[in-house]
Amino acid sequence: MDELERSIGDLVVANRILAKEDVVDAYGHVSIRHPNKPDPYLLSRSLSPGFVTREDIIEFKLDGTPVSDTRPA
């Protein structure tokens, strides 16, 4: 498993843990910097943190626009 895949998995787990512990609610979010690039970050699409899966993670530019993803952020 490469560093990006590991980071995506960690982000999914972080979303689930923080939702379970009531740290974030349906409107909260967790993001991380891309592990291999200095500027992009990873964030789930618009979804309650308790339901986030690997497929929901989107790469974003610093200005908030998705990189190569047409799903609603």
C-alpha atoms as a PDB file:
ATOM      1  CA  MET A   1       0.000   0.000   0.000  1.00  0.00           C
ATOM      2  CA  ASP A   2       1.441   3.362  -0.974  1.00  0.00           C
ATOM      3  CA  GLU A   3       1.480   6.495   1.143  1.00  0.00           C
ATOM      4  CA  LEU A   4      -1.544   8.069  -0.564  1.00  0.00           C
ATOM      5  CA  GLU A   5      -3.708   4.973  -0.062  1.00  0.00           C
ATOM      6  CA  ARG A   6      -2.632   4.788   3.592  1.00  0.00           C
ATOM      7  CA  SER A   7      -3.475   8.474   4.087  1.00  0.00           C
ATOM      8  CA  ILE A   8      -6.912   8.008   2.526  1.00  0.00           C
ATOM      9  CA  GLY A   9      -7.566   5.092   4.868  1.00  0.00           C
ATOM     10  CA  ASP A  10      -6.426   7.157   7.849  1.00  0.00           C
ATOM     11  CA  LEU A  11      -8.723   9.997   6.796  1.00  0.00           C
ATOM     12  CA  VAL A  12     -11.708   7.642   6.596  1.00  0.00           C
ATOM     13  CA  VAL A  13     -10.926   6.271  10.060  1.00  0.00           C
ATOM     14  CA  ALA A  14     -10.466   9.793  11.477  1.00  0.00           C
ATOM     15  CA  ASN A  15     -13.873  10.834  10.137  1.00  0.00           C
ATOM     16  CA  ARG A  16     -15.534   7.766  11.664  1.00  0.00           C
ATOM     17  CA  ILE A  17     -13.819   8.132  15.052  1.00  0.00           C
ATOM     18  CA  LEU A  18     -14.587  11.837  15.410  1.00  0.00           C
ATOM     19  CA  ALA A  19     -18.215  11.241  14.422  1.00  0.00           C
ATOM     20  CA  LYS A  20     -18.571   8.360  16.895  1.00  0.00           C
ATOM     21  CA  GLU A  21     -17.065  10.466  19.689  1.00  0.00           C
ATOM     22  CA  ASP A  22     -19.373  13.410  18.809  1.00  0.00           C
ATOM     23  CA  VAL A  23     -16.415  15.669  18.034  1.00  0.00           C
ATOM     24  CA  VAL A  24     -17.876  16.497  14.614  1.00  0.00           C
ATOM     25  CA  ASP A  25     -21.521  16.297  13.612  1.00  0.00           C
ATOM     26  CA  ALA A  26     -23.176  15.957  10.207  1.00  0.00           C
ATOM     27  CA  TYR A  27     -21.711  19.317   9.185  1.00  0.00           C
ATOM     28  CA  GLY A  28     -18.156  18.875  10.471  1.00  0.00           C
ATOM     29  CA  HIS A  29     -15.228  17.634   8.436  1.00  0.00           C
ATOM     30  CA  VAL A  30     -11.687  16.319   8.663  1.00  0.00           C
ATOM     31  CA  SER A  31      -9.003  17.038   6.080  1.00  0.00           C
ATOM     32  CA  ILE A  32      -5.321  16.208   5.631  1.00  0.00           C
ATOM     33  CA  ARG A  33      -2.545  17.440   3.357  1.00  0.00           C
ATOM     34  CA  HIS A  34      -1.686  15.260   0.394  1.00  0.00           C
ATOM     35  CA  PRO A  35       1.222  13.032   1.474  1.00  0.00           C
ATOM     36  CA  ASN A  36       3.112  13.318  -1.840  1.00  0.00           C
ATOM     37  CA  LYS A  37       2.422  16.885  -2.975  1.00  0.00           C
ATOM     38  CA  PRO A  38       2.925  20.140  -1.055  1.00  0.00           C
ATOM     39  CA  ASP A  39      -0.280  21.992  -1.935  1.00  0.00           C
ATOM     40  CA  PRO A  40      -3.323  19.716  -2.376  1.00  0.00           C
ATOM     41  CA  TYR A  41      -5.361  18.390   0.495  1.00  0.00           C
ATOM     42  CA  LEU A  42      -7.759  15.481   0.909  1.00  0.00           C
ATOM     43  CA  LEU A  43     -11.321  15.855   2.172  1.00  0.00           C
ATOM     44  CA  SER A  44     -14.470  13.793   1.850  1.00  0.00           C
ATOM     45  CA  ARG A  45     -17.277  14.905  -0.410  1.00  0.00           C
ATOM     46  CA  SER A  46     -20.282  16.489   1.267  1.00  0.00           C
ATOM     47  CA  LEU A  47     -21.299  13.633   3.538  1.00  0.00           C
ATOM     48  CA  SER A  48     -21.790  13.056   7.241  1.00  0.00           C
ATOM     49  CA  PRO A  49     -18.395  12.006   8.709  1.00  0.00           C
ATOM     50  CA  GLY A  50     -19.875   8.816  10.137  1.00  0.00           C
ATOM     51  CA  PHE A  51     -20.622   7.533   6.630  1.00  0.00           C
ATOM     52  CA  VAL A  52     -17.362   8.413   4.836  1.00  0.00           C
ATOM     53  CA  THR A  53     -15.690   5.648   2.807  1.00  0.00           C
ATOM     54  CA  ARG A  54     -12.492   5.582   0.740  1.00  0.00           C
ATOM     55  CA  GLU A  55     -14.522   6.309  -2.398  1.00  0.00           C
ATOM     56  CA  ASP A  56     -15.773   9.578  -0.867  1.00  0.00           C
ATOM     57  CA  ILE A  57     -12.320  11.160  -0.548  1.00  0.00           C
ATOM     58  CA  ILE A  58     -11.545  13.945  -3.032  1.00  0.00           C
ATOM     59  CA  GLU A  59      -8.263  15.747  -3.695  1.00  0.00           C
ATOM     60  CA  PHE A  60      -8.585  19.544  -3.620  1.00  0.00           C
ATOM     61  CA  LYS A  61      -6.380  22.443  -4.668  1.00  0.00           C
ATOM     62  CA  LEU A  62      -5.631  25.078  -2.039  1.00  0.00           C
ATOM     63  CA  ASP A  63      -8.331  27.319  -3.522  1.00  0.00           C
ATOM     64  CA  GLY A  64     -10.928  24.632  -2.775  1.00  0.00           C
ATOM     65  CA  THR A  65     -11.498  23.328  -6.280  1.00  0.00           C
ATOM     66  CA  PRO A  66     -11.481  19.555  -6.767  1.00  0.00           C
ATOM     67  CA  VAL A  67      -8.621  17.989  -8.722  1.00  0.00           C
ATOM     68  CA  SER A  68      -9.908  15.645 -11.453  1.00  0.00           C
ATOM     69  CA  ASP A  69     -13.240  15.007  -9.752  1.00  0.00           C
ATOM     70  CA  THR A  70     -16.662  16.103 -10.953  1.00  0.00           C
ATOM     71  CA  ARG A  71     -18.712  14.972  -7.943  1.00  0.00           C
ATOM     72  CA  PRO A  72     -20.232  17.670  -5.730  1.00  0.00           C
ATOM     73  CA  ALA A  73     -17.766  18.599  -3.036  1.00  0.00           C
END
